[in-house]
Amino acid sequence: MTETATTRVSLGDLRGRKGRTKADAPEAPDLGQDFWDKAKIVQPEPKKSVHLRVDADVLDFFKAQGKGHLTRMNAVLRSYVEARRRS
């Protein structure tokens, strides 16, 4: 971390910030009652746990990209499924 990235604040200043939000945060526009009348609650489908055997080099490739390799493998499979459904 560089010197400019670190700032010192007093305990009193921190206590004064408690419960405050960022004043410069943009305010969202009012969506209106019509939006909420048409809104639907969507529950994501639960994932299934499977035992999958893959080639060692394929697993090594995804693992080498760091944390989240199983999520990335799922994304590749999802992309393939969606492409096949379109064709």
PDB file of N, CA and C in Angstrom:
ATOM      1  N   MET A   1       0.841  -1.166   0.000  1.00  0.00           N
ATOM      2  CA  MET A   1       0.000   0.000   0.000  1.00  0.00           C
ATOM      3  C   MET A   1       0.888   1.232   0.000  1.00  0.00           C
ATOM      4  N   THR A   2       0.510   2.221  -0.747  1.00  0.00           N
ATOM      5  CA  THR A   2       1.317   3.438  -0.824  1.00  0.00           C
ATOM      6  C   THR A   2       0.951   4.386   0.307  1.00  0.00           C
ATOM      7  N   GLU A   3       1.807   5.349   0.535  1.00  0.00           N
ATOM      8  CA  GLU A   3       1.565   6.351   1.573  1.00  0.00           C
ATOM      9  C   GLU A   3       0.263   7.112   1.328  1.00  0.00           C
ATOM     10  N   THR A   4      -0.030   7.429   0.074  1.00  0.00           N
ATOM     11  CA  THR A   4      -1.220   8.220  -0.231  1.00  0.00           C
ATOM     12  C   THR A   4      -2.507   7.432  -0.047  1.00  0.00           C
ATOM     13  N   ALA A   5      -2.441   6.115  -0.025  1.00  0.00           N
ATOM     14  CA  ALA A   5      -3.647   5.306   0.114  1.00  0.00           C
ATOM     15  C   ALA A   5      -4.085   5.176   1.568  1.00  0.00           C
ATOM     16  N   THR A   6      -3.235   5.543   2.513  1.00  0.00           N
ATOM     17  CA  THR A   6      -3.546   5.408   3.924  1.00  0.00           C
ATOM     18  C   THR A   6      -3.844   6.772   4.521  1.00  0.00           C
ATOM     19  N   THR A   7      -4.971   6.866   5.218  1.00  0.00           N
ATOM     20  CA  THR A   7      -5.310   8.122   5.884  1.00  0.00           C
ATOM     21  C   THR A   7      -5.516   7.856   7.367  1.00  0.00           C
ATOM     22  N   ARG A   8      -5.227   8.856   8.169  1.00  0.00           N
ATOM     23  CA  ARG A   8      -5.423   8.748   9.613  1.00  0.00           C
ATOM     24  C   ARG A   8      -6.690   9.516   9.980  1.00  0.00           C
ATOM     25  N   VAL A   9      -7.491   8.894  10.836  1.00  0.00           N
ATOM     26  CA  VAL A   9      -8.683   9.565  11.344  1.00  0.00           C
ATOM     27  C   VAL A   9      -8.731   9.371  12.855  1.00  0.00           C
ATOM     28  N   SER A  10      -9.360  10.306  13.514  1.00  0.00           N
ATOM     29  CA  SER A  10      -9.465  10.204  14.969  1.00  0.00           C
ATOM     30  C   SER A  10     -10.629   9.295  15.343  1.00  0.00           C
ATOM     31  N   LEU A  11     -10.603   8.824  16.575  1.00  0.00           N
ATOM     32  CA  LEU A  11     -11.687   7.986  17.071  1.00  0.00           C
ATOM     33  C   LEU A  11     -12.996   8.765  17.075  1.00  0.00           C
ATOM     34  N   GLY A  12     -12.916  10.035  17.399  1.00  0.00           N
ATOM     35  CA  GLY A  12     -14.109  10.882  17.384  1.00  0.00           C
ATOM     36  C   GLY A  12     -14.703  11.006  15.986  1.00  0.00           C
ATOM     37  N   ASP A  13     -13.817  11.123  14.992  1.00  0.00           N
ATOM     38  CA  ASP A  13     -14.277  11.204  13.605  1.00  0.00           C
ATOM     39  C   ASP A  13     -14.970   9.904  13.193  1.00  0.00           C
ATOM     40  N   LEU A  14     -14.387   8.781  13.573  1.00  0.00           N
ATOM     41  CA  LEU A  14     -14.999   7.493  13.253  1.00  0.00           C
ATOM     42  C   LEU A  14     -16.356   7.343  13.926  1.00  0.00           C
ATOM     43  N   ARG A  15     -16.438   7.771  15.180  1.00  0.00           N
ATOM     44  CA  ARG A  15     -17.727   7.700  15.889  1.00  0.00           C
ATOM     45  C   ARG A  15     -18.761   8.597  15.207  1.00  0.00           C
ATOM     46  N   GLY A  16     -18.313   9.724  14.689  1.00  0.00           N
ATOM     47  CA  GLY A  16     -19.218  10.635  13.997  1.00  0.00           C
ATOM     48  C   GLY A  16     -19.729  10.069  12.681  1.00  0.00           C
ATOM     49  N   ARG A  17     -18.969   9.178  12.080  1.00  0.00           N
ATOM     50  CA  ARG A  17     -19.370   8.563  10.808  1.00  0.00           C
ATOM     51  C   ARG A  17     -20.343   7.401  10.996  1.00  0.00           C
ATOM     52  N   LYS A  18     -20.446   6.906  12.214  1.00  0.00           N
ATOM     53  CA  LYS A  18     -21.279   5.729  12.473  1.00  0.00           C
ATOM     54  C   LYS A  18     -22.719   6.000  12.047  1.00  0.00           C
ATOM     55  N   GLY A  19     -23.256   5.096  11.255  1.00  0.00           N
ATOM     56  CA  GLY A  19     -24.633   5.204  10.805  1.00  0.00           C
ATOM     57  C   GLY A  19     -24.843   6.093   9.594  1.00  0.00           C
ATOM     58  N   ARG A  20     -23.800   6.788   9.162  1.00  0.00           N
ATOM     59  CA  ARG A  20     -23.931   7.648   7.983  1.00  0.00           C
ATOM     60  C   ARG A  20     -23.681   6.853   6.717  1.00  0.00           C
ATOM     61  N   THR A  21     -24.249   7.317   5.640  1.00  0.00           N
ATOM     62  CA  THR A  21     -23.989   6.723   4.331  1.00  0.00           C
ATOM     63  C   THR A  21     -23.201   7.727   3.506  1.00  0.00           C
ATOM     64  N   LYS A  22     -22.722   7.307   2.373  1.00  0.00           N
ATOM     65  CA  LYS A  22     -21.969   8.220   1.509  1.00  0.00           C
ATOM     66  C   LYS A  22     -22.895   9.317   0.989  1.00  0.00           C
ATOM     67  N   ALA A  23     -22.515  10.543   1.236  1.00  0.00           N
ATOM     68  CA  ALA A  23     -23.337  11.676   0.804  1.00  0.00           C
ATOM     69  C   ALA A  23     -23.316  11.837  -0.708  1.00  0.00           C
ATOM     70  N   ASP A  24     -22.250  11.366  -1.350  1.00  0.00           N
ATOM     71  CA  ASP A  24     -22.135  11.540  -2.792  1.00  0.00           C
ATOM     72  C   ASP A  24     -22.716  10.369  -3.582  1.00  0.00           C
ATOM     73  N   ALA A  25     -23.352   9.432  -2.884  1.00  0.00           N
ATOM     74  CA  ALA A  25     -23.942   8.294  -3.592  1.00  0.00           C
ATOM     75  C   ALA A  25     -25.121   8.795  -4.425  1.00  0.00           C
ATOM     76  N   PRO A  26     -25.177   8.399  -5.697  1.00  0.00           N
ATOM     77  CA  PRO A  26     -26.281   8.869  -6.539  1.00  0.00           C
ATOM     78  C   PRO A  26     -27.613   8.294  -6.058  1.00  0.00           C
ATOM     79  N   GLU A  27     -28.631   9.105  -6.126  1.00  0.00           N
ATOM     80  CA  GLU A  27     -29.944   8.658  -5.707  1.00  0.00           C
ATOM     81  C   GLU A  27     -30.622   7.973  -6.888  1.00  0.00           C
ATOM     82  N   ALA A  28     -31.211   6.835  -6.639  1.00  0.00           N
ATOM     83  CA  ALA A  28     -31.878   6.080  -7.702  1.00  0.00           C
ATOM     84  C   ALA A  28     -33.191   6.767  -8.063  1.00  0.00           C
ATOM     85  N   PRO A  29     -33.551   6.715  -9.340  1.00  0.00           N
ATOM     86  CA  PRO A  29     -34.822   7.323  -9.736  1.00  0.00           C
ATOM     87  C   PRO A  29     -35.995   6.513  -9.177  1.00  0.00           C
ATOM     88  N   ASP A  30     -37.115   7.179  -8.966  1.00  0.00           N
ATOM     89  CA  ASP A  30     -38.318   6.501  -8.491  1.00  0.00           C
ATOM     90  C   ASP A  30     -38.834   5.613  -9.616  1.00  0.00           C
ATOM     91  N   LEU A  31     -39.001   4.335  -9.330  1.00  0.00           N
ATOM     92  CA  LEU A  31     -39.428   3.391 -10.362  1.00  0.00           C
ATOM     93  C   LEU A  31     -40.925   3.434 -10.608  1.00  0.00           C
ATOM     94  N   GLY A  32     -41.675   3.989  -9.708  1.00  0.00           N
ATOM     95  CA  GLY A  32     -43.106   4.129  -9.905  1.00  0.00           C
ATOM     96  C   GLY A  32     -43.882   2.877  -9.538  1.00  0.00           C
ATOM     97  N   GLN A  33     -45.157   3.079  -9.248  1.00  0.00           N
ATOM     98  CA  GLN A  33     -46.014   1.971  -8.821  1.00  0.00           C
ATOM     99  C   GLN A  33     -46.224   0.953  -9.937  1.00  0.00           C
ATOM    100  N   ASP A  34     -46.271   1.407 -11.192  1.00  0.00           N
ATOM    101  CA  ASP A  34     -46.473   0.499 -12.322  1.00  0.00           C
ATOM    102  C   ASP A  34     -45.372  -0.557 -12.384  1.00  0.00           C
ATOM    103  N   PHE A  35     -44.125  -0.139 -12.138  1.00  0.00           N
ATOM    104  CA  PHE A  35     -43.005  -1.083 -12.128  1.00  0.00           C
ATOM    105  C   PHE A  35     -43.226  -2.148 -11.070  1.00  0.00           C
ATOM    106  N   TRP A  36     -43.575  -1.724  -9.862  1.00  0.00           N
ATOM    107  CA  TRP A  36     -43.729  -2.672  -8.758  1.00  0.00           C
ATOM    108  C   TRP A  36     -44.957  -3.553  -8.931  1.00  0.00           C
ATOM    109  N   ASP A  37     -45.998  -3.048  -9.594  1.00  0.00           N
ATOM    110  CA  ASP A  37     -47.182  -3.874  -9.851  1.00  0.00           C
ATOM    111  C   ASP A  37     -46.859  -5.029 -10.796  1.00  0.00           C
ATOM    112  N   LYS A  38     -45.936  -4.800 -11.732  1.00  0.00           N
ATOM    113  CA  LYS A  38     -45.569  -5.830 -12.709  1.00  0.00           C
ATOM    114  C   LYS A  38     -44.389  -6.691 -12.255  1.00  0.00           C
ATOM    115  N   ALA A  39     -43.738  -6.313 -11.168  1.00  0.00           N
ATOM    116  CA  ALA A  39     -42.545  -7.036 -10.700  1.00  0.00           C
ATOM    117  C   ALA A  39     -42.909  -8.442 -10.234  1.00  0.00           C
ATOM    118  N   LYS A  40     -42.014  -9.376 -10.503  1.00  0.00           N
ATOM    119  CA  LYS A  40     -42.212 -10.767 -10.092  1.00  0.00           C
ATOM    120  C   LYS A  40     -40.996 -11.226  -9.302  1.00  0.00           C
ATOM    121  N   ILE A  41     -41.241 -11.998  -8.264  1.00  0.00           N
ATOM    122  CA  ILE A  41     -40.149 -12.577  -7.485  1.00  0.00           C
ATOM    123  C   ILE A  41     -39.663 -13.818  -8.218  1.00  0.00           C
ATOM    124  N   VAL A  42     -38.369 -13.880  -8.454  1.00  0.00           N
ATOM    125  CA  VAL A  42     -37.782 -15.015  -9.166  1.00  0.00           C
ATOM    126  C   VAL A  42     -36.789 -15.701  -8.238  1.00  0.00           C
ATOM    127  N   GLN A  43     -37.003 -16.973  -7.984  1.00  0.00           N
ATOM    128  CA  GLN A  43     -36.098 -17.757  -7.153  1.00  0.00           C
ATOM    129  C   GLN A  43     -35.112 -18.484  -8.056  1.00  0.00           C
ATOM    130  N   PRO A  44     -33.810 -18.399  -7.776  1.00  0.00           N
ATOM    131  CA  PRO A  44     -32.845 -19.139  -8.593  1.00  0.00           C
ATOM    132  C   PRO A  44     -32.984 -20.635  -8.351  1.00  0.00           C
ATOM    133  N   GLU A  45     -32.750 -21.399  -9.406  1.00  0.00           N
ATOM    134  CA  GLU A  45     -32.817 -22.847  -9.255  1.00  0.00           C
ATOM    135  C   GLU A  45     -31.611 -23.320  -8.459  1.00  0.00           C
ATOM    136  N   PRO A  46     -31.828 -24.252  -7.527  1.00  0.00           N
ATOM    137  CA  PRO A  46     -30.691 -24.744  -6.742  1.00  0.00           C
ATOM    138  C   PRO A  46     -29.735 -25.545  -7.612  1.00  0.00           C
ATOM    139  N   LYS A  47     -28.465 -25.484  -7.268  1.00  0.00           N
ATOM    140  CA  LYS A  47     -27.460 -26.238  -8.013  1.00  0.00           C
ATOM    141  C   LYS A  47     -27.432 -27.668  -7.506  1.00  0.00           C
ATOM    142  N   LYS A  48     -26.986 -28.566  -8.365  1.00  0.00           N
ATOM    143  CA  LYS A  48     -26.853 -29.968  -7.995  1.00  0.00           C
ATOM    144  C   LYS A  48     -25.385 -30.303  -7.822  1.00  0.00           C
ATOM    145  N   SER A  49     -25.104 -31.121  -6.846  1.00  0.00           N
ATOM    146  CA  SER A  49     -23.739 -31.575  -6.612  1.00  0.00           C
ATOM    147  C   SER A  49     -23.525 -32.859  -7.409  1.00  0.00           C
ATOM    148  N   VAL A  50     -22.440 -32.892  -8.183  1.00  0.00           N
ATOM    149  CA  VAL A  50     -22.133 -34.073  -8.990  1.00  0.00           C
ATOM    150  C   VAL A  50     -20.662 -34.436  -8.840  1.00  0.00           C
ATOM    151  N   HIS A  51     -20.367 -35.684  -9.111  1.00  0.00           N
ATOM    152  CA  HIS A  51     -18.981 -36.137  -9.182  1.00  0.00           C
ATOM    153  C   HIS A  51     -18.653 -36.201 -10.663  1.00  0.00           C
ATOM    154  N   LEU A  52     -17.671 -35.433 -11.097  1.00  0.00           N
ATOM    155  CA  LEU A  52     -17.356 -35.318 -12.515  1.00  0.00           C
ATOM    156  C   LEU A  52     -15.885 -35.605 -12.737  1.00  0.00           C
ATOM    157  N   ARG A  53     -15.597 -36.517 -13.625  1.00  0.00           N
ATOM    158  CA  ARG A  53     -14.207 -36.834 -13.952  1.00  0.00           C
ATOM    159  C   ARG A  53     -13.816 -36.040 -15.194  1.00  0.00           C
ATOM    160  N   VAL A  54     -12.758 -35.260 -15.062  1.00  0.00           N
ATOM    161  CA  VAL A  54     -12.250 -34.479 -16.189  1.00  0.00           C
ATOM    162  C   VAL A  54     -10.773 -34.787 -16.370  1.00  0.00           C
ATOM    163  N   ASP A  55     -10.277 -34.516 -17.563  1.00  0.00           N
ATOM    164  CA  ASP A  55      -8.855 -34.725 -17.831  1.00  0.00           C
ATOM    165  C   ASP A  55      -8.026 -33.829 -16.915  1.00  0.00           C
ATOM    166  N   ALA A  56      -6.871 -34.337 -16.510  1.00  0.00           N
ATOM    167  CA  ALA A  56      -6.004 -33.613 -15.580  1.00  0.00           C
ATOM    168  C   ALA A  56      -5.593 -32.254 -16.126  1.00  0.00           C
ATOM    169  N   ASP A  57      -5.289 -32.185 -17.426  1.00  0.00           N
ATOM    170  CA  ASP A  57      -4.851 -30.905 -17.981  1.00  0.00           C
ATOM    171  C   ASP A  57      -5.977 -29.872 -18.001  1.00  0.00           C
ATOM    172  N   VAL A  58      -7.211 -30.334 -18.156  1.00  0.00           N
ATOM    173  CA  VAL A  58      -8.355 -29.417 -18.130  1.00  0.00           C
ATOM    174  C   VAL A  58      -8.508 -28.840 -16.723  1.00  0.00           C
ATOM    175  N   LEU A  59      -8.464 -29.696 -15.723  1.00  0.00           N
ATOM    176  CA  LEU A  59      -8.573 -29.233 -14.344  1.00  0.00           C
ATOM    177  C   LEU A  59      -7.409 -28.311 -13.983  1.00  0.00           C
ATOM    178  N   ASP A  60      -6.206 -28.687 -14.391  1.00  0.00           N
ATOM    179  CA  ASP A  60      -5.023 -27.856 -14.119  1.00  0.00           C
ATOM    180  C   ASP A  60      -5.159 -26.468 -14.737  1.00  0.00           C
ATOM    181  N   PHE A  61      -5.719 -26.413 -15.951  1.00  0.00           N
ATOM    182  CA  PHE A  61      -5.917 -25.131 -16.629  1.00  0.00           C
ATOM    183  C   PHE A  61      -6.800 -24.205 -15.798  1.00  0.00           C
ATOM    184  N   PHE A  62      -7.940 -24.724 -15.342  1.00  0.00           N
ATOM    185  CA  PHE A  62      -8.862 -23.901 -14.567  1.00  0.00           C
ATOM    186  C   PHE A  62      -8.297 -23.569 -13.190  1.00  0.00           C
ATOM    187  N   LYS A  63      -7.644 -24.517 -12.549  1.00  0.00           N
ATOM    188  CA  LYS A  63      -7.057 -24.267 -11.232  1.00  0.00           C
ATOM    189  C   LYS A  63      -5.959 -23.213 -11.310  1.00  0.00           C
ATOM    190  N   ALA A  64      -5.213 -23.193 -12.411  1.00  0.00           N
ATOM    191  CA  ALA A  64      -4.121 -22.231 -12.573  1.00  0.00           C
ATOM    192  C   ALA A  64      -4.637 -20.794 -12.627  1.00  0.00           C
ATOM    193  N   GLN A  65      -5.907 -20.619 -12.937  1.00  0.00           N
ATOM    194  CA  GLN A  65      -6.489 -19.276 -12.999  1.00  0.00           C
ATOM    195  C   GLN A  65      -6.875 -18.750 -11.623  1.00  0.00           C
ATOM    196  N   GLY A  66      -6.717 -19.581 -10.601  1.00  0.00           N
ATOM    197  CA  GLY A  66      -6.951 -19.120  -9.231  1.00  0.00           C
ATOM    198  C   GLY A  66      -8.284 -19.545  -8.663  1.00  0.00           C
ATOM    199  N   LYS A  67      -8.583 -18.941  -7.523  1.00  0.00           N
ATOM    200  CA  LYS A  67      -9.798 -19.264  -6.784  1.00  0.00           C
ATOM    201  C   LYS A  67     -11.031 -19.096  -7.670  1.00  0.00           C
ATOM    202  N   GLY A  68     -11.983 -19.997  -7.518  1.00  0.00           N
ATOM    203  CA  GLY A  68     -13.210 -19.932  -8.306  1.00  0.00           C
ATOM    204  C   GLY A  68     -13.174 -20.779  -9.558  1.00  0.00           C
ATOM    205  N   HIS A  69     -12.258 -21.751  -9.607  1.00  0.00           N
ATOM    206  CA  HIS A  69     -12.125 -22.552 -10.831  1.00  0.00           C
ATOM    207  C   HIS A  69     -13.381 -23.368 -11.118  1.00  0.00           C
ATOM    208  N   LEU A  70     -14.077 -23.843 -10.102  1.00  0.00           N
ATOM    209  CA  LEU A  70     -15.303 -24.610 -10.343  1.00  0.00           C
ATOM    210  C   LEU A  70     -16.412 -23.709 -10.887  1.00  0.00           C
ATOM    211  N   THR A  71     -16.469 -22.491 -10.417  1.00  0.00           N
ATOM    212  CA  THR A  71     -17.449 -21.533 -10.931  1.00  0.00           C
ATOM    213  C   THR A  71     -17.177 -21.228 -12.397  1.00  0.00           C
ATOM    214  N   ARG A  72     -15.894 -21.063 -12.752  1.00  0.00           N
ATOM    215  CA  ARG A  72     -15.546 -20.806 -14.156  1.00  0.00           C
ATOM    216  C   ARG A  72     -15.859 -22.016 -15.030  1.00  0.00           C
ATOM    217  N   MET A  73     -15.617 -23.219 -14.519  1.00  0.00           N
ATOM    218  CA  MET A  73     -15.944 -24.421 -15.289  1.00  0.00           C
ATOM    219  C   MET A  73     -17.451 -24.482 -15.532  1.00  0.00           C
ATOM    220  N   ASN A  74     -18.242 -24.137 -14.522  1.00  0.00           N
ATOM    221  CA  ASN A  74     -19.689 -24.113 -14.682  1.00  0.00           C
ATOM    222  C   ASN A  74     -20.101 -23.073 -15.720  1.00  0.00           C
ATOM    223  N   ALA A  75     -19.434 -21.926 -15.731  1.00  0.00           N
ATOM    224  CA  ALA A  75     -19.752 -20.870 -16.702  1.00  0.00           C
ATOM    225  C   ALA A  75     -19.471 -21.332 -18.129  1.00  0.00           C
ATOM    226  N   VAL A  76     -18.376 -22.069 -18.324  1.00  0.00           N
ATOM    227  CA  VAL A  76     -18.051 -22.598 -19.657  1.00  0.00           C
ATOM    228  C   VAL A  76     -19.118 -23.602 -20.088  1.00  0.00           C
ATOM    229  N   LEU A  77     -19.512 -24.472 -19.181  1.00  0.00           N
ATOM    230  CA  LEU A  77     -20.555 -25.454 -19.503  1.00  0.00           C
ATOM    231  C   LEU A  77     -21.885 -24.759 -19.790  1.00  0.00           C
ATOM    232  N   ARG A  78     -22.219 -23.735 -19.017  1.00  0.00           N
ATOM    233  CA  ARG A  78     -23.464 -23.002 -19.245  1.00  0.00           C
ATOM    234  C   ARG A  78     -23.447 -22.334 -20.615  1.00  0.00           C
ATOM    235  N   SER A  79     -22.328 -21.747 -20.987  1.00  0.00           N
ATOM    236  CA  SER A  79     -22.187 -21.098 -22.287  1.00  0.00           C
ATOM    237  C   SER A  79     -22.398 -22.105 -23.415  1.00  0.00           C
ATOM    238  N   TYR A  80     -21.845 -23.293 -23.250  1.00  0.00           N
ATOM    239  CA  TYR A  80     -22.004 -24.345 -24.250  1.00  0.00           C
ATOM    240  C   TYR A  80     -23.479 -24.744 -24.374  1.00  0.00           C
ATOM    241  N   VAL A  81     -24.136 -24.941 -23.244  1.00  0.00           N
ATOM    242  CA  VAL A  81     -25.554 -25.334 -23.254  1.00  0.00           C
ATOM    243  C   VAL A  81     -26.396 -24.269 -23.945  1.00  0.00           C
ATOM    244  N   GLU A  82     -26.178 -23.007 -23.610  1.00  0.00           N
ATOM    245  CA  GLU A  82     -26.962 -21.930 -24.220  1.00  0.00           C
ATOM    246  C   GLU A  82     -26.711 -21.824 -25.716  1.00  0.00           C
ATOM    247  N   ALA A  83     -25.480 -22.034 -26.152  1.00  0.00           N
ATOM    248  CA  ALA A  83     -25.167 -22.001 -27.583  1.00  0.00           C
ATOM    249  C   ALA A  83     -25.872 -23.139 -28.312  1.00  0.00           C
ATOM    250  N   ARG A  84     -25.900 -24.308 -27.710  1.00  0.00           N
ATOM    251  CA  ARG A  84     -26.565 -25.462 -28.334  1.00  0.00           C
ATOM    252  C   ARG A  84     -28.077 -25.264 -28.394  1.00  0.00           C
ATOM    253  N   ARG A  85     -28.635 -24.637 -27.386  1.00  0.00           N
ATOM    254  CA  ARG A  85     -30.086 -24.392 -27.377  1.00  0.00           C
ATOM    255  C   ARG A  85     -30.488 -23.403 -28.465  1.00  0.00           C
ATOM    256  N   ARG A  86     -29.599 -22.461 -28.789  1.00  0.00           N
ATOM    257  CA  ARG A  86     -29.904 -21.471 -29.829  1.00  0.00           C
ATOM    258  C   ARG A  86     -29.825 -22.061 -31.224  1.00  0.00           C
ATOM    259  N   SER A  87     -29.026 -23.112 -31.379  1.00  0.00           N
ATOM    260  CA  SER A  87     -28.832 -23.654 -32.732  1.00  0.00           C
ATOM    261  C   SER A  87     -29.822 -24.736 -33.070  1.00  0.00           C
TER     262      SER A  87
END
